[in-house]
Amino acid sequence: MEDLRSILYKAFESILGSSGAKALRYHVELRLGQDMYDVFCEDPGRFYRALSDCFGIGAETMMLVIARWLNDNNYTDGLDVEKFIRVLKKGGEEARQMIRRSLKQPCQDD
């Protein structure tokens, strides 16, 4: 069974390529000061803000593509991608719970 970290890496790699996914991780983690996949589970709004620092308005498009990739590859239980983006931008507990409910693979601390 795959863990969330490898699934998210595959999603970013499918969009950015291997080198692009590694570069993204480096720059996002530089801003976060910790593992970006851990932050994605713990504080999705913070993750999105760091991604926005790297990509500006392109962060929304990237996360739409990531959400669709997760749906298309059967890693979610019917994730509403538009709502996902709205909640991700807002952050907070609602975003954290939506991610935990939608992903078939639990975050590490679940």
N, C-alpha and C. Protein backbone atom coordinates (compact mmCIF):
# COMPACT_ATOMS: atom_id res chain seq x y z
N MET A 1 0.85 -1.18 0.00
CA MET A 1 0.00 0.00 0.00
C MET A 1 0.90 1.25 0.00
N GLU A 2 0.59 2.17 -0.86
CA GLU A 2 1.36 3.41 -0.95
C GLU A 2 1.02 4.35 0.20
N ASP A 3 2.01 5.12 0.61
CA ASP A 3 1.72 6.15 1.61
C ASP A 3 1.44 7.48 0.92
N LEU A 4 0.87 8.39 1.67
CA LEU A 4 0.47 9.68 1.11
C LEU A 4 1.66 10.43 0.52
N ARG A 5 2.80 10.36 1.15
CA ARG A 5 4.00 11.04 0.68
C ARG A 5 4.34 10.60 -0.75
N SER A 6 4.35 9.31 -1.00
CA SER A 6 4.70 8.82 -2.34
C SER A 6 3.61 9.15 -3.36
N ILE A 7 2.37 9.16 -2.92
CA ILE A 7 1.26 9.51 -3.83
C ILE A 7 1.37 10.98 -4.24
N LEU A 8 1.58 11.86 -3.28
CA LEU A 8 1.71 13.28 -3.61
C LEU A 8 2.94 13.53 -4.47
N TYR A 9 4.03 12.84 -4.17
CA TYR A 9 5.23 13.00 -5.01
C TYR A 9 4.92 12.58 -6.45
N LYS A 10 4.24 11.45 -6.60
CA LYS A 10 3.88 11.00 -7.95
C LYS A 10 2.99 12.02 -8.66
N ALA A 11 2.08 12.63 -7.92
CA ALA A 11 1.20 13.64 -8.52
C ALA A 11 2.00 14.83 -9.02
N PHE A 12 2.88 15.37 -8.16
CA PHE A 12 3.71 16.50 -8.58
C PHE A 12 4.67 16.10 -9.70
N GLU A 13 5.22 14.91 -9.62
CA GLU A 13 6.15 14.44 -10.65
C GLU A 13 5.44 14.29 -12.00
N SER A 14 4.19 13.87 -12.00
CA SER A 14 3.45 13.71 -13.26
C SER A 14 3.22 15.05 -13.95
N ILE A 15 3.15 16.11 -13.16
CA ILE A 15 2.91 17.44 -13.71
C ILE A 15 4.22 18.15 -14.04
N LEU A 16 5.20 18.05 -13.14
CA LEU A 16 6.43 18.83 -13.27
C LEU A 16 7.63 18.04 -13.76
N GLY A 17 7.49 16.71 -13.83
CA GLY A 17 8.66 15.88 -14.13
C GLY A 17 9.46 15.67 -12.85
N SER A 18 10.38 14.72 -12.87
CA SER A 18 11.15 14.37 -11.68
C SER A 18 11.97 15.55 -11.17
N SER A 19 12.70 16.21 -12.05
CA SER A 19 13.53 17.34 -11.63
C SER A 19 12.68 18.49 -11.12
N GLY A 20 11.56 18.75 -11.79
CA GLY A 20 10.68 19.83 -11.36
C GLY A 20 10.07 19.56 -9.99
N ALA A 21 9.68 18.31 -9.74
CA ALA A 21 9.10 17.95 -8.44
C ALA A 21 10.14 18.11 -7.33
N LYS A 22 11.39 17.73 -7.61
CA LYS A 22 12.45 17.89 -6.62
C LYS A 22 12.74 19.37 -6.37
N ALA A 23 12.76 20.17 -7.42
CA ALA A 23 13.00 21.61 -7.27
C ALA A 23 11.86 22.26 -6.48
N LEU A 24 10.63 21.88 -6.80
CA LEU A 24 9.48 22.40 -6.07
C LEU A 24 9.61 22.08 -4.59
N ARG A 25 9.92 20.83 -4.29
CA ARG A 25 10.03 20.41 -2.89
C ARG A 25 11.11 21.23 -2.19
N TYR A 26 12.24 21.41 -2.83
CA TYR A 26 13.32 22.19 -2.23
C TYR A 26 12.85 23.61 -1.89
N HIS A 27 12.24 24.28 -2.84
CA HIS A 27 11.84 25.67 -2.63
C HIS A 27 10.69 25.81 -1.63
N VAL A 28 9.73 24.91 -1.70
CA VAL A 28 8.61 24.97 -0.74
C VAL A 28 9.12 24.67 0.67
N GLU A 29 9.98 23.66 0.80
CA GLU A 29 10.48 23.31 2.12
C GLU A 29 11.41 24.39 2.68
N LEU A 30 12.08 25.12 1.80
CA LEU A 30 12.89 26.25 2.23
C LEU A 30 12.00 27.29 2.92
N ARG A 31 10.81 27.51 2.37
CA ARG A 31 9.87 28.47 2.95
C ARG A 31 9.21 27.93 4.21
N LEU A 32 8.91 26.64 4.22
CA LEU A 32 8.19 26.03 5.34
C LEU A 32 9.10 25.69 6.51
N GLY A 33 10.32 25.32 6.23
CA GLY A 33 11.23 24.87 7.28
C GLY A 33 10.96 23.46 7.75
N GLN A 34 10.15 22.74 6.99
CA GLN A 34 9.87 21.33 7.30
C GLN A 34 9.33 20.64 6.05
N ASP A 35 9.12 19.34 6.17
CA ASP A 35 8.68 18.53 5.05
C ASP A 35 7.33 19.02 4.50
N MET A 36 7.28 19.27 3.19
CA MET A 36 6.06 19.84 2.61
C MET A 36 4.88 18.87 2.67
N TYR A 37 5.15 17.58 2.63
CA TYR A 37 4.05 16.61 2.68
C TYR A 37 3.46 16.53 4.08
N ASP A 38 4.29 16.68 5.11
CA ASP A 38 3.78 16.74 6.48
C ASP A 38 2.90 17.98 6.65
N VAL A 39 3.36 19.11 6.12
CA VAL A 39 2.59 20.35 6.23
C VAL A 39 1.28 20.23 5.47
N PHE A 40 1.30 19.57 4.31
CA PHE A 40 0.08 19.37 3.54
C PHE A 40 -0.99 18.71 4.40
N CYS A 41 -0.61 17.73 5.21
CA CYS A 41 -1.57 17.04 6.08
C CYS A 41 -1.93 17.86 7.32
N GLU A 42 -0.93 18.48 7.93
CA GLU A 42 -1.13 19.17 9.20
C GLU A 42 -1.78 20.55 9.06
N ASP A 43 -1.35 21.28 8.03
CA ASP A 43 -1.80 22.66 7.87
C ASP A 43 -1.88 22.98 6.37
N PRO A 44 -2.93 22.51 5.69
CA PRO A 44 -3.03 22.68 4.24
C PRO A 44 -2.98 24.14 3.79
N GLY A 45 -3.51 25.05 4.58
CA GLY A 45 -3.47 26.46 4.22
C GLY A 45 -2.04 26.98 4.19
N ARG A 46 -1.24 26.57 5.14
CA ARG A 46 0.17 26.96 5.17
C ARG A 46 0.91 26.38 3.97
N PHE A 47 0.60 25.13 3.63
CA PHE A 47 1.20 24.51 2.45
C PHE A 47 0.85 25.33 1.20
N TYR A 48 -0.42 25.69 1.07
CA TYR A 48 -0.86 26.45 -0.11
C TYR A 48 -0.18 27.81 -0.17
N ARG A 49 -0.04 28.47 0.96
CA ARG A 49 0.63 29.78 0.97
C ARG A 49 2.09 29.65 0.52
N ALA A 50 2.77 28.60 0.96
CA ALA A 50 4.16 28.38 0.53
C ALA A 50 4.22 28.10 -0.96
N LEU A 51 3.26 27.31 -1.46
CA LEU A 51 3.19 27.02 -2.89
C LEU A 51 2.93 28.31 -3.67
N SER A 52 2.08 29.16 -3.13
CA SER A 52 1.79 30.45 -3.77
C SER A 52 3.01 31.36 -3.80
N ASP A 53 3.83 31.28 -2.76
CA ASP A 53 5.07 32.05 -2.75
C ASP A 53 5.96 31.65 -3.92
N CYS A 54 5.93 30.38 -4.28
CA CYS A 54 6.74 29.87 -5.40
C CYS A 54 6.11 30.16 -6.76
N PHE A 55 4.81 29.96 -6.87
CA PHE A 55 4.14 29.99 -8.17
C PHE A 55 3.19 31.16 -8.38
N GLY A 56 2.98 31.96 -7.36
CA GLY A 56 2.03 33.06 -7.50
C GLY A 56 0.64 32.51 -7.81
N ILE A 57 -0.05 33.16 -8.74
CA ILE A 57 -1.41 32.72 -9.07
C ILE A 57 -1.44 31.35 -9.72
N GLY A 58 -0.29 30.87 -10.19
CA GLY A 58 -0.21 29.53 -10.78
C GLY A 58 -0.40 28.42 -9.76
N ALA A 59 -0.29 28.74 -8.47
CA ALA A 59 -0.47 27.72 -7.43
C ALA A 59 -1.88 27.13 -7.48
N GLU A 60 -2.87 27.97 -7.75
CA GLU A 60 -4.25 27.49 -7.82
C GLU A 60 -4.41 26.48 -8.96
N THR A 61 -3.88 26.82 -10.11
CA THR A 61 -3.96 25.91 -11.25
C THR A 61 -3.22 24.60 -10.95
N MET A 62 -2.05 24.72 -10.33
CA MET A 62 -1.31 23.51 -10.00
C MET A 62 -2.11 22.61 -9.07
N MET A 63 -2.72 23.18 -8.05
CA MET A 63 -3.48 22.36 -7.11
C MET A 63 -4.76 21.81 -7.74
N LEU A 64 -5.36 22.54 -8.68
CA LEU A 64 -6.49 21.98 -9.43
C LEU A 64 -6.05 20.74 -10.20
N VAL A 65 -4.91 20.84 -10.85
CA VAL A 65 -4.39 19.70 -11.63
C VAL A 65 -4.04 18.55 -10.69
N ILE A 66 -3.44 18.86 -9.54
CA ILE A 66 -3.11 17.81 -8.56
C ILE A 66 -4.38 17.12 -8.08
N ALA A 67 -5.40 17.90 -7.74
CA ALA A 67 -6.67 17.32 -7.25
C ALA A 67 -7.30 16.43 -8.33
N ARG A 68 -7.28 16.89 -9.56
CA ARG A 68 -7.83 16.07 -10.66
C ARG A 68 -7.01 14.81 -10.86
N TRP A 69 -5.69 14.93 -10.74
CA TRP A 69 -4.82 13.75 -10.88
C TRP A 69 -5.15 12.74 -9.79
N LEU A 70 -5.33 13.21 -8.55
CA LEU A 70 -5.68 12.31 -7.45
C LEU A 70 -7.01 11.61 -7.72
N ASN A 71 -7.99 12.36 -8.23
CA ASN A 71 -9.28 11.76 -8.59
C ASN A 71 -9.13 10.75 -9.72
N ASP A 72 -8.45 11.17 -10.79
CA ASP A 72 -8.30 10.32 -11.97
C ASP A 72 -7.56 9.03 -11.67
N ASN A 73 -6.67 9.07 -10.68
CA ASN A 73 -5.87 7.89 -10.34
C ASN A 73 -6.41 7.15 -9.12
N ASN A 74 -7.66 7.47 -8.78
CA ASN A 74 -8.40 6.74 -7.75
C ASN A 74 -7.77 6.79 -6.35
N TYR A 75 -7.18 7.96 -6.02
CA TYR A 75 -6.61 8.13 -4.69
C TYR A 75 -7.55 8.91 -3.76
N THR A 76 -8.71 9.30 -4.25
CA THR A 76 -9.66 10.05 -3.44
C THR A 76 -11.03 9.40 -3.51
N ASP A 77 -11.86 9.80 -2.58
CA ASP A 77 -13.26 9.37 -2.58
C ASP A 77 -14.11 10.54 -3.07
N GLY A 78 -14.10 10.75 -4.38
CA GLY A 78 -14.95 11.77 -4.99
C GLY A 78 -14.65 13.19 -4.56
N LEU A 79 -13.40 13.58 -4.60
CA LEU A 79 -12.99 14.92 -4.20
C LEU A 79 -13.58 15.96 -5.15
N ASP A 80 -14.29 16.94 -4.60
CA ASP A 80 -14.83 18.07 -5.36
C ASP A 80 -13.67 19.06 -5.50
N VAL A 81 -13.07 19.13 -6.69
CA VAL A 81 -11.84 19.90 -6.87
C VAL A 81 -12.03 21.39 -6.65
N GLU A 82 -13.15 21.93 -7.07
CA GLU A 82 -13.40 23.37 -6.87
C GLU A 82 -13.51 23.70 -5.38
N LYS A 83 -14.25 22.89 -4.65
CA LYS A 83 -14.37 23.10 -3.21
C LYS A 83 -13.02 22.88 -2.53
N PHE A 84 -12.28 21.89 -3.00
CA PHE A 84 -10.96 21.61 -2.45
C PHE A 84 -10.08 22.87 -2.52
N ILE A 85 -10.07 23.55 -3.66
CA ILE A 85 -9.25 24.74 -3.83
C ILE A 85 -9.73 25.86 -2.89
N ARG A 86 -11.03 26.07 -2.83
CA ARG A 86 -11.56 27.11 -1.93
C ARG A 86 -11.16 26.85 -0.48
N VAL A 87 -11.31 25.61 -0.05
CA VAL A 87 -11.01 25.27 1.33
C VAL A 87 -9.50 25.30 1.57
N LEU A 88 -8.73 24.85 0.61
CA LEU A 88 -7.28 24.87 0.73
C LEU A 88 -6.77 26.30 0.91
N LYS A 89 -7.30 27.22 0.14
CA LYS A 89 -6.91 28.63 0.24
C LYS A 89 -7.28 29.20 1.61
N LYS A 90 -8.44 28.82 2.11
CA LYS A 90 -8.91 29.31 3.39
C LYS A 90 -8.09 28.73 4.54
N GLY A 91 -7.70 27.46 4.41
CA GLY A 91 -6.91 26.80 5.44
C GLY A 91 -7.73 26.45 6.66
N GLY A 92 -7.06 26.25 7.75
CA GLY A 92 -7.71 25.94 9.02
C GLY A 92 -8.17 24.49 9.13
N GLU A 93 -8.93 24.25 10.15
CA GLU A 93 -9.38 22.89 10.46
C GLU A 93 -10.27 22.31 9.36
N GLU A 94 -11.09 23.15 8.72
CA GLU A 94 -11.96 22.66 7.65
C GLU A 94 -11.13 22.04 6.52
N ALA A 95 -10.04 22.70 6.15
CA ALA A 95 -9.17 22.18 5.09
C ALA A 95 -8.52 20.88 5.53
N ARG A 96 -8.04 20.86 6.74
CA ARG A 96 -7.39 19.65 7.28
C ARG A 96 -8.36 18.47 7.27
N GLN A 97 -9.57 18.69 7.73
CA GLN A 97 -10.56 17.61 7.78
C GLN A 97 -10.99 17.17 6.38
N MET A 98 -11.14 18.11 5.46
CA MET A 98 -11.54 17.75 4.10
C MET A 98 -10.49 16.84 3.46
N ILE A 99 -9.23 17.17 3.64
CA ILE A 99 -8.16 16.35 3.08
C ILE A 99 -8.19 14.96 3.71
N ARG A 100 -8.33 14.90 4.99
CA ARG A 100 -8.35 13.61 5.68
C ARG A 100 -9.55 12.76 5.27
N ARG A 101 -10.69 13.39 5.03
CA ARG A 101 -11.88 12.64 4.61
C ARG A 101 -11.78 12.19 3.15
N SER A 102 -11.16 13.00 2.31
CA SER A 102 -11.17 12.75 0.87
C SER A 102 -10.11 11.76 0.39
N LEU A 103 -8.98 11.74 1.06
CA LEU A 103 -7.90 10.87 0.61
C LEU A 103 -8.10 9.45 1.12
N LYS A 104 -7.90 8.51 0.22
CA LYS A 104 -8.03 7.10 0.62
C LYS A 104 -6.87 6.66 1.49
N GLN A 105 -5.71 7.31 1.32
CA GLN A 105 -4.55 7.01 2.14
C GLN A 105 -4.51 8.01 3.28
N PRO A 106 -4.45 7.54 4.52
CA PRO A 106 -4.42 8.48 5.64
C PRO A 106 -3.10 9.22 5.73
N CYS A 107 -3.15 10.39 6.36
CA CYS A 107 -1.92 11.10 6.69
C CYS A 107 -1.21 10.30 7.77
N GLN A 108 0.07 10.51 7.95
CA GLN A 108 0.89 9.68 8.82
C GLN A 108 0.40 9.62 10.26
N ASP A 109 -0.17 10.69 10.78
CA ASP A 109 -0.58 10.68 12.18
C ASP A 109 -2.01 10.22 12.41
N ASP A 110 -2.68 9.73 11.37
CA ASP A 110 -4.04 9.22 11.51
C ASP A 110 -4.02 7.81 12.08
